[in-house]
Amino acid sequence: MASSSAYHFVISQNRKNLTSFCNSSLIKNYPLLPFTSKLPLHPTNKLTVCSVAKIIPPQVELDQQQSSSFTLSSPNSSWTEFADRVSGEWDGFGADFTTEGKPIELPESVVPEAYREWEVEVFDWQTQCPTLADPKSLRLSYRSVKLLPTVGCEADAATVHSSDERIIENSNNTSILAFAFQNTGCYVALWSVFENEVYKVLELEHCLIDPRDKESRVRVIQTLRIEGSMVKLQKVKVFCELWYGPFRNGDQLGGCAIRDSGFATTPVLNASDVTGVWQSQDAVVSYQSSQNKPLQELTGRGTQKVVRNEHDLILLPRKLWCSVKESGKDETCGEVGWLLDPGFAISSRCIFSSDGKLKEITVGHQTTAMN
């Protein structure tokens, strides 16, 4: 990386000028892109930076107990498979939800005037997530891009509202606290967003890929406030994405080519479909060892019983759910799940200790338990 801190950039830019991202650190720091990082900008290109928010380097310590977790120091076959499956142009829609699962309306300032005149409420962002993982080094980068809403099929008029670039590598100079990956393309990431003497704000990102369809995935981001022993959920972001081809750094906006539609106000999951006793075939990473490298591989450890109660769940559209709850022994569990078929789901779970330190990340395929 070029610096010791990551930044959020909120930008406004015309579609034809998206090549101006060739000057971002995503391009400068990645030598294997299919084009030069020194492409000159056309003199008519304009880029307006509306705001910049710094992501603080991590100050969260991980539990320092003995563990047998395997820490990668160089790429292996699992990382190569993961890099192949996670890289590409992931486009779709995104929405924010309250801790009760209610969709949050987009700010009036970004909604087209025609919608305001017709009193149409808008809850969904059209999104892009160009992602690139280097199979030859332990490095992944992506940009989470929100496009301004348009009326009808105005692909040519689409502009970028914001672009949030994230970089994952085994370095102490990034905001990534933990990153657990699976060769399927699933991953879980813990990000440091803010910290002061009283509390800290983390983002817990769960990326789950449909095992039956490698071109369909969801990303659910839980914003957590940690104050002493209290872990509190503040907001939930949901992205439903489809794979549209190899990595091109978002050089084309989806417009009418998007094969999906907004989902924020569609029916939510029925609690009865995921409550009760389930069997979970898990892959796990422990963060209790003395090592402090964030990037680790999820590996199998067998089957365990999972019990879910309705009052713990935040029910979301697209057959998704999430929760943040006490899990015994003064621990807190943050979970995200996706019901793929009746009686079959995929989920990820993160365990935090009583002092707010990350202990464990688990990704599991779950089936209803036989009576």
Protein backbone atom coordinates (compact mmCIF):
# COMPACT_ATOMS: atom_id res chain seq x y z
CA MET A 1 0.00 0.00 0.00
CA ALA A 2 1.02 3.55 -0.60
CA SER A 3 0.03 4.75 2.84
CA SER A 4 -0.72 3.43 6.29
CA SER A 5 -4.41 4.28 6.28
CA ALA A 6 -7.34 3.59 4.00
CA TYR A 7 -9.82 6.26 2.94
CA HIS A 8 -13.45 6.45 1.84
CA PHE A 9 -14.01 8.73 -1.17
CA VAL A 10 -17.48 9.96 -2.03
CA ILE A 11 -17.48 11.07 -5.64
CA SER A 12 -19.72 12.20 -8.43
CA GLN A 13 -18.69 11.31 -11.93
CA ASN A 14 -20.16 10.78 -15.42
CA ARG A 15 -20.22 7.28 -16.86
CA LYS A 16 -17.83 8.10 -19.69
CA ASN A 17 -15.22 9.25 -17.19
CA LEU A 18 -14.99 6.07 -15.14
CA THR A 19 -11.51 5.48 -16.52
CA SER A 20 -10.35 8.16 -14.14
CA PHE A 21 -10.20 5.39 -11.54
CA CYS A 22 -6.99 4.32 -13.25
CA ASN A 23 -5.27 6.69 -10.86
CA SER A 24 -6.71 5.06 -7.73
CA SER A 25 -4.52 3.00 -5.43
CA LEU A 26 -6.41 -0.08 -6.60
CA ILE A 27 -4.74 0.32 -9.99
CA LYS A 28 -1.41 1.74 -8.88
CA ASN A 29 -0.73 -1.06 -6.44
CA TYR A 30 -1.75 -3.94 -8.65
CA PRO A 31 0.76 -4.88 -11.36
CA LEU A 32 -1.32 -7.54 -13.13
CA LEU A 33 -4.12 -5.37 -14.53
CA PRO A 34 -4.84 -5.72 -18.26
CA PHE A 35 -3.95 -2.11 -18.89
CA THR A 36 -1.37 0.43 -17.76
CA SER A 37 -1.83 2.39 -14.57
CA LYS A 38 -0.49 5.49 -16.26
CA LEU A 39 -3.30 6.06 -18.75
CA PRO A 40 -3.71 9.82 -19.21
CA LEU A 41 -7.10 11.29 -18.37
CA HIS A 42 -9.01 12.91 -21.19
CA PRO A 43 -8.97 16.68 -20.70
CA THR A 44 -12.77 16.75 -20.53
CA ASN A 45 -12.91 14.21 -17.71
CA LYS A 46 -14.20 15.65 -14.45
CA LEU A 47 -14.11 14.12 -11.02
CA THR A 48 -15.74 15.79 -8.05
CA VAL A 49 -14.74 14.66 -4.59
CA CYS A 50 -17.62 15.40 -2.25
CA SER A 51 -16.16 14.05 0.97
CA VAL A 52 -13.33 11.95 2.31
CA ALA A 53 -13.55 9.78 5.41
CA LYS A 54 -10.47 8.14 6.85
CA ILE A 55 -10.63 4.58 8.13
CA ILE A 56 -8.49 4.33 11.21
CA PRO A 57 -5.77 1.65 11.30
CA PRO A 58 -6.85 -1.17 13.58
CA GLN A 59 -6.30 -0.87 17.30
CA VAL A 60 -8.30 -3.97 18.22
CA GLU A 61 -6.30 -6.76 19.78
CA LEU A 62 -7.24 -10.38 19.19
CA ASP A 63 -7.36 -12.90 22.00
CA GLN A 64 -3.88 -14.17 22.75
CA GLN A 65 -4.60 -17.79 23.66
CA GLN A 66 -3.18 -20.95 22.22
CA SER A 67 -4.77 -22.12 18.95
CA SER A 68 -4.06 -24.51 16.13
CA SER A 69 -5.37 -22.18 13.40
CA PHE A 70 -3.38 -22.22 10.20
CA THR A 71 -2.11 -18.82 9.08
CA LEU A 72 -1.18 -18.33 5.46
CA SER A 73 2.18 -16.79 4.71
CA SER A 74 2.01 -17.49 0.97
CA PRO A 75 -0.71 -18.47 -1.52
CA ASN A 76 -1.88 -22.09 -1.59
CA SER A 77 -4.29 -23.97 -3.85
CA SER A 78 -7.29 -22.86 -1.78
CA TRP A 79 -6.32 -19.20 -2.18
CA THR A 80 -5.90 -19.71 -5.93
CA GLU A 81 -9.40 -21.19 -6.18
CA PHE A 82 -10.79 -18.40 -4.00
CA ALA A 83 -9.10 -15.73 -6.14
CA ASP A 84 -10.62 -17.22 -9.28
CA ARG A 85 -14.14 -17.32 -7.82
CA VAL A 86 -14.19 -13.96 -6.07
CA SER A 87 -12.59 -11.87 -8.83
CA GLY A 88 -14.72 -10.14 -11.43
CA GLU A 89 -17.49 -7.61 -11.95
CA TRP A 90 -20.19 -8.15 -9.32
CA ASP A 91 -23.17 -5.88 -10.03
CA GLY A 92 -26.60 -5.70 -8.45
CA PHE A 93 -28.53 -3.73 -5.86
CA GLY A 94 -27.95 -2.67 -2.27
CA ALA A 95 -30.07 -1.35 0.58
CA ASP A 96 -29.70 -0.32 4.22
CA PHE A 97 -31.90 -1.68 7.00
CA THR A 98 -32.58 -0.75 10.61
CA THR A 99 -31.93 -3.15 13.47
CA GLU A 100 -35.61 -4.11 13.18
CA GLY A 101 -35.18 -5.07 9.53
CA LYS A 102 -36.99 -2.02 8.12
CA PRO A 103 -35.58 -0.63 4.84
CA ILE A 104 -34.09 2.86 5.00
CA GLU A 105 -35.21 5.28 2.29
CA LEU A 106 -32.52 6.88 0.13
CA PRO A 107 -31.72 10.55 0.89
CA GLU A 108 -34.00 12.94 -0.95
CA SER A 109 -30.95 14.67 -2.43
CA VAL A 110 -30.12 11.63 -4.60
CA VAL A 111 -33.66 10.82 -5.75
CA PRO A 112 -34.64 12.10 -9.23
CA GLU A 113 -37.09 15.00 -9.20
CA ALA A 114 -39.64 12.97 -11.16
CA TYR A 115 -39.83 10.44 -8.35
CA ARG A 116 -40.27 13.19 -5.77
CA GLU A 117 -43.08 14.73 -7.82
CA TRP A 118 -44.81 11.35 -8.07
CA GLU A 119 -44.16 10.72 -4.35
CA VAL A 120 -42.30 7.52 -5.20
CA GLU A 121 -40.12 6.23 -2.36
CA VAL A 122 -36.72 4.85 -3.37
CA PHE A 123 -34.90 2.36 -1.13
CA ASP A 124 -32.42 0.59 -3.43
CA TRP A 125 -29.05 1.62 -4.81
CA GLN A 126 -27.84 0.10 -8.05
CA THR A 127 -24.36 -1.14 -7.18
CA GLN A 128 -21.10 -2.39 -8.60
CA CYS A 129 -18.34 -4.30 -6.85
CA PRO A 130 -15.32 -4.79 -9.14
CA THR A 131 -13.13 -7.26 -7.26
CA LEU A 132 -9.60 -8.49 -7.92
CA ALA A 133 -7.67 -11.12 -5.95
CA ASP A 134 -4.10 -11.91 -6.94
CA PRO A 135 -3.65 -15.71 -7.11
CA LYS A 136 0.11 -15.25 -6.67
CA SER A 137 0.03 -13.11 -3.53
CA LEU A 138 -2.26 -12.78 -0.53
CA ARG A 139 -3.93 -9.59 -1.68
CA LEU A 140 -7.50 -8.71 -2.57
CA SER A 141 -9.02 -5.35 -3.44
CA TYR A 142 -12.50 -4.23 -4.35
CA ARG A 143 -14.60 -1.10 -4.77
CA SER A 144 -18.17 -0.93 -3.50
CA VAL A 145 -19.81 1.55 -5.87
CA LYS A 146 -23.26 3.13 -5.54
CA LEU A 147 -24.89 4.64 -8.63
CA LEU A 148 -27.36 7.49 -8.50
CA PRO A 149 -30.95 6.37 -9.14
CA THR A 150 -32.33 7.07 -12.62
CA VAL A 151 -35.84 7.29 -14.04
CA GLY A 152 -36.56 4.45 -16.43
CA CYS A 153 -33.72 2.94 -18.42
CA GLU A 154 -31.28 5.85 -18.44
CA ALA A 155 -28.05 3.87 -18.48
CA ASP A 156 -26.19 6.62 -20.32
CA ALA A 157 -27.19 9.13 -17.65
CA ALA A 158 -26.07 7.01 -14.70
CA THR A 159 -23.42 8.56 -12.48
CA VAL A 160 -21.42 7.31 -9.52
CA HIS A 161 -22.58 8.57 -6.14
CA SER A 162 -19.89 6.95 -3.98
CA SER A 163 -17.00 4.53 -4.24
CA ASP A 164 -15.57 2.79 -1.18
CA GLU A 165 -12.28 0.99 -1.87
CA ARG A 166 -11.14 -1.81 0.42
CA ILE A 167 -7.82 -3.67 0.42
CA ILE A 168 -7.11 -6.97 2.17
CA GLU A 169 -3.57 -8.18 2.80
CA ASN A 170 -1.44 -9.47 5.67
CA SER A 171 -0.27 -6.04 6.76
CA ASN A 172 -0.61 -4.01 9.93
CA ASN A 173 -1.09 -0.85 7.90
CA THR A 174 -4.67 -1.46 6.75
CA SER A 175 -8.06 -1.21 8.43
CA ILE A 176 -8.68 -4.95 8.08
CA LEU A 177 -8.73 -6.73 11.44
CA ALA A 178 -9.61 -10.21 10.21
CA PHE A 179 -10.29 -11.87 6.88
CA ALA A 180 -11.33 -15.52 6.67
CA PHE A 181 -11.80 -17.05 3.23
CA GLN A 182 -13.00 -20.31 1.72
CA ASN A 183 -12.09 -21.69 -1.70
CA THR A 184 -15.79 -21.50 -2.64
CA GLY A 185 -15.50 -17.69 -2.83
CA CYS A 186 -17.14 -17.06 0.55
CA TYR A 187 -15.39 -14.77 3.01
CA VAL A 188 -15.89 -12.89 6.26
CA ALA A 189 -14.08 -9.62 6.96
CA LEU A 190 -13.87 -7.46 10.07
CA TRP A 191 -13.05 -3.79 9.48
CA SER A 192 -12.07 -0.99 11.84
CA VAL A 193 -14.15 2.10 11.05
CA PHE A 194 -13.83 4.36 14.10
CA GLU A 195 -12.32 4.30 17.56
CA ASN A 196 -11.98 6.63 20.52
CA GLU A 197 -11.41 6.21 24.26
CA VAL A 198 -15.04 5.26 24.91
CA TYR A 199 -16.09 2.96 22.08
CA LYS A 200 -15.19 1.65 18.65
CA VAL A 201 -17.20 0.99 15.50
CA LEU A 202 -16.52 -2.09 13.41
CA GLU A 203 -17.99 -3.41 10.18
CA LEU A 204 -18.53 -7.16 10.01
CA GLU A 205 -18.86 -8.16 6.35
CA HIS A 206 -20.25 -11.57 5.40
CA CYS A 207 -19.96 -12.64 1.74
CA LEU A 208 -21.86 -15.83 0.91
CA ILE A 209 -21.89 -17.49 -2.51
CA ASP A 210 -24.68 -19.82 -3.58
CA PRO A 211 -22.96 -23.24 -3.81
CA ARG A 212 -25.34 -24.19 -6.64
CA ASP A 213 -24.68 -21.02 -8.64
CA LYS A 214 -21.16 -19.55 -8.44
CA GLU A 215 -22.38 -16.37 -10.18
CA SER A 216 -24.80 -15.39 -7.40
CA ARG A 217 -23.81 -14.02 -4.01
CA VAL A 218 -24.91 -11.78 -1.14
CA ARG A 219 -22.86 -9.44 1.02
CA VAL A 220 -24.32 -8.43 4.37
CA ILE A 221 -22.47 -5.85 6.47
CA GLN A 222 -23.30 -5.51 10.16
CA THR A 223 -22.20 -2.20 11.70
CA LEU A 224 -21.23 -2.91 15.31
CA ARG A 225 -20.58 -0.54 18.20
CA ILE A 226 -18.34 -2.05 20.86
CA GLU A 227 -18.24 -0.33 24.24
CA GLY A 228 -16.60 -2.31 27.01
CA SER A 229 -18.25 -5.73 27.06
CA MET A 230 -21.26 -4.54 25.05
CA VAL A 231 -21.51 -5.38 21.34
CA LYS A 232 -24.46 -3.57 19.78
CA LEU A 233 -25.78 -3.72 16.23
CA GLN A 234 -26.31 -0.28 14.70
CA LYS A 235 -27.27 -0.92 11.07
CA VAL A 236 -27.37 -3.60 8.39
CA LYS A 237 -26.34 -3.20 4.74
CA VAL A 238 -27.36 -5.81 2.18
CA PHE A 239 -25.97 -6.28 -1.34
CA CYS A 240 -27.41 -8.87 -3.74
CA GLU A 241 -24.96 -9.33 -6.60
CA LEU A 242 -24.49 -11.32 -9.80
CA TRP A 243 -21.25 -11.99 -11.65
CA TYR A 244 -21.08 -10.18 -15.01
CA GLY A 245 -17.64 -11.17 -16.23
CA PRO A 246 -13.90 -10.83 -15.54
CA PHE A 247 -12.49 -7.85 -13.66
CA ARG A 248 -12.66 -4.59 -15.65
CA ASN A 249 -12.44 -2.15 -12.72
CA GLY A 250 -16.07 -1.13 -13.22
CA ASP A 251 -15.49 0.38 -16.65
CA GLN A 252 -19.14 -0.11 -17.62
CA LEU A 253 -22.25 0.79 -15.70
CA GLY A 254 -24.92 -1.88 -15.53
CA GLY A 255 -27.97 0.17 -16.55
CA CYS A 256 -30.60 -2.01 -18.19
CA ALA A 257 -28.11 -4.87 -18.58
CA ILE A 258 -28.57 -5.74 -14.89
CA ARG A 259 -30.37 -9.08 -14.65
CA ASP A 260 -31.82 -8.32 -11.23
CA SER A 261 -34.05 -5.70 -9.60
CA GLY A 262 -34.32 -3.82 -6.33
CA PHE A 263 -35.33 -5.89 -3.32
CA ALA A 264 -35.51 -3.62 -0.24
CA THR A 265 -39.33 -3.60 -0.01
CA THR A 266 -39.94 -7.17 -1.17
CA PRO A 267 -41.27 -9.76 1.32
CA VAL A 268 -38.94 -10.81 4.10
CA LEU A 269 -38.00 -14.32 5.15
CA ASN A 270 -40.52 -16.30 7.21
CA ALA A 271 -39.03 -16.94 10.63
CA SER A 272 -40.47 -20.45 10.77
CA ASP A 273 -38.34 -21.41 7.76
CA VAL A 274 -35.06 -21.05 9.70
CA THR A 275 -35.89 -21.45 13.39
CA GLY A 276 -35.48 -24.61 15.38
CA VAL A 277 -32.64 -27.13 15.43
CA TRP A 278 -30.26 -27.33 12.47
CA GLN A 279 -27.11 -29.31 11.71
CA SER A 280 -24.21 -27.22 10.42
CA GLN A 281 -21.23 -28.60 8.50
CA ASP A 282 -18.65 -25.99 9.44
CA ALA A 283 -15.37 -24.55 8.30
CA VAL A 284 -13.74 -22.46 10.99
CA VAL A 285 -10.93 -20.04 11.80
CA SER A 286 -9.78 -19.26 15.33
CA TYR A 287 -8.33 -15.86 16.20
CA GLN A 288 -7.11 -16.78 19.67
CA SER A 289 -3.47 -17.48 18.84
CA SER A 290 -0.54 -15.16 19.42
CA GLN A 291 -0.18 -14.50 15.69
CA ASN A 292 -1.74 -11.28 14.46
CA LYS A 293 -2.03 -11.82 10.71
CA PRO A 294 -5.61 -11.06 9.66
CA LEU A 295 -5.82 -13.32 6.61
CA GLN A 296 -6.62 -16.97 7.32
CA GLU A 297 -8.26 -19.91 5.58
CA LEU A 298 -11.51 -21.46 6.79
CA THR A 299 -10.98 -25.19 7.30
CA GLY A 300 -13.39 -27.98 8.24
CA ARG A 301 -14.04 -29.19 11.76
CA GLY A 302 -17.16 -31.35 11.45
CA THR A 303 -20.84 -30.97 12.28
CA GLN A 304 -22.43 -29.12 15.15
CA LYS A 305 -25.96 -28.37 16.30
CA VAL A 306 -27.34 -24.84 15.83
CA VAL A 307 -30.52 -23.64 17.55
CA ARG A 308 -32.27 -20.47 16.36
CA ASN A 309 -35.16 -18.64 18.02
CA GLU A 310 -37.43 -16.19 16.23
CA HIS A 311 -36.95 -13.34 18.71
CA ASP A 312 -33.19 -13.30 17.99
CA LEU A 313 -33.56 -12.82 14.24
CA ILE A 314 -33.67 -9.80 11.96
CA LEU A 315 -35.67 -11.03 8.98
CA LEU A 316 -34.64 -9.60 5.62
CA PRO A 317 -35.71 -9.89 1.96
CA ARG A 318 -34.23 -12.45 -0.44
CA LYS A 319 -34.52 -15.17 2.22
CA LEU A 320 -31.80 -13.59 4.35
CA TRP A 321 -31.54 -13.18 8.09
CA CYS A 322 -29.04 -11.83 10.59
CA SER A 323 -28.62 -11.47 14.32
CA VAL A 324 -26.31 -10.20 17.03
CA LYS A 325 -26.94 -11.94 20.32
CA GLU A 326 -25.33 -13.22 23.50
CA SER A 327 -24.25 -16.81 23.02
CA GLY A 328 -23.25 -17.84 26.54
CA LYS A 329 -19.99 -17.58 28.49
CA ASP A 330 -20.22 -13.78 28.15
CA GLU A 331 -19.74 -14.12 24.39
CA THR A 332 -21.56 -12.38 21.54
CA CYS A 333 -22.36 -13.99 18.20
CA GLY A 334 -22.92 -12.08 14.97
CA GLU A 335 -24.63 -14.24 12.35
CA VAL A 336 -25.82 -13.87 8.76
CA GLY A 337 -27.71 -16.59 6.91
CA TRP A 338 -29.21 -17.28 3.50
CA LEU A 339 -31.97 -19.84 3.01
CA LEU A 340 -31.25 -21.40 -0.38
CA ASP A 341 -33.91 -24.12 -0.38
CA PRO A 342 -36.40 -25.38 2.20
CA GLY A 343 -34.29 -27.04 4.86
CA PHE A 344 -30.97 -25.93 3.36
CA ALA A 345 -29.08 -22.73 4.22
CA ILE A 346 -25.60 -21.26 4.30
CA SER A 347 -24.50 -19.04 7.17
CA SER A 348 -21.51 -17.32 8.71
CA ARG A 349 -21.01 -16.69 12.41
CA CYS A 350 -18.49 -14.61 14.35
CA ILE A 351 -17.86 -14.99 18.07
CA PHE A 352 -16.63 -12.05 20.18
CA SER A 353 -15.33 -12.46 23.72
CA SER A 354 -16.60 -10.49 26.71
CA ASP A 355 -14.03 -7.75 26.07
CA GLY A 356 -15.05 -7.32 22.43
CA LYS A 357 -12.17 -9.27 20.91
CA LEU A 358 -12.77 -11.54 17.94
CA LYS A 359 -12.44 -15.23 18.84
CA GLU A 360 -13.75 -17.27 15.93
CA ILE A 361 -15.24 -17.13 12.42
CA THR A 362 -17.35 -19.98 11.06
CA VAL A 363 -18.99 -20.59 7.68
CA GLY A 364 -21.36 -23.53 7.50
CA HIS A 365 -23.81 -25.35 5.25
CA GLN A 366 -26.89 -26.07 7.33
CA THR A 367 -29.74 -28.56 7.08
CA THR A 368 -32.72 -29.06 9.35
CA ALA A 369 -31.97 -31.63 12.03
CA MET A 370 -33.72 -34.99 11.84
CA ASN A 371 -36.02 -35.71 14.76
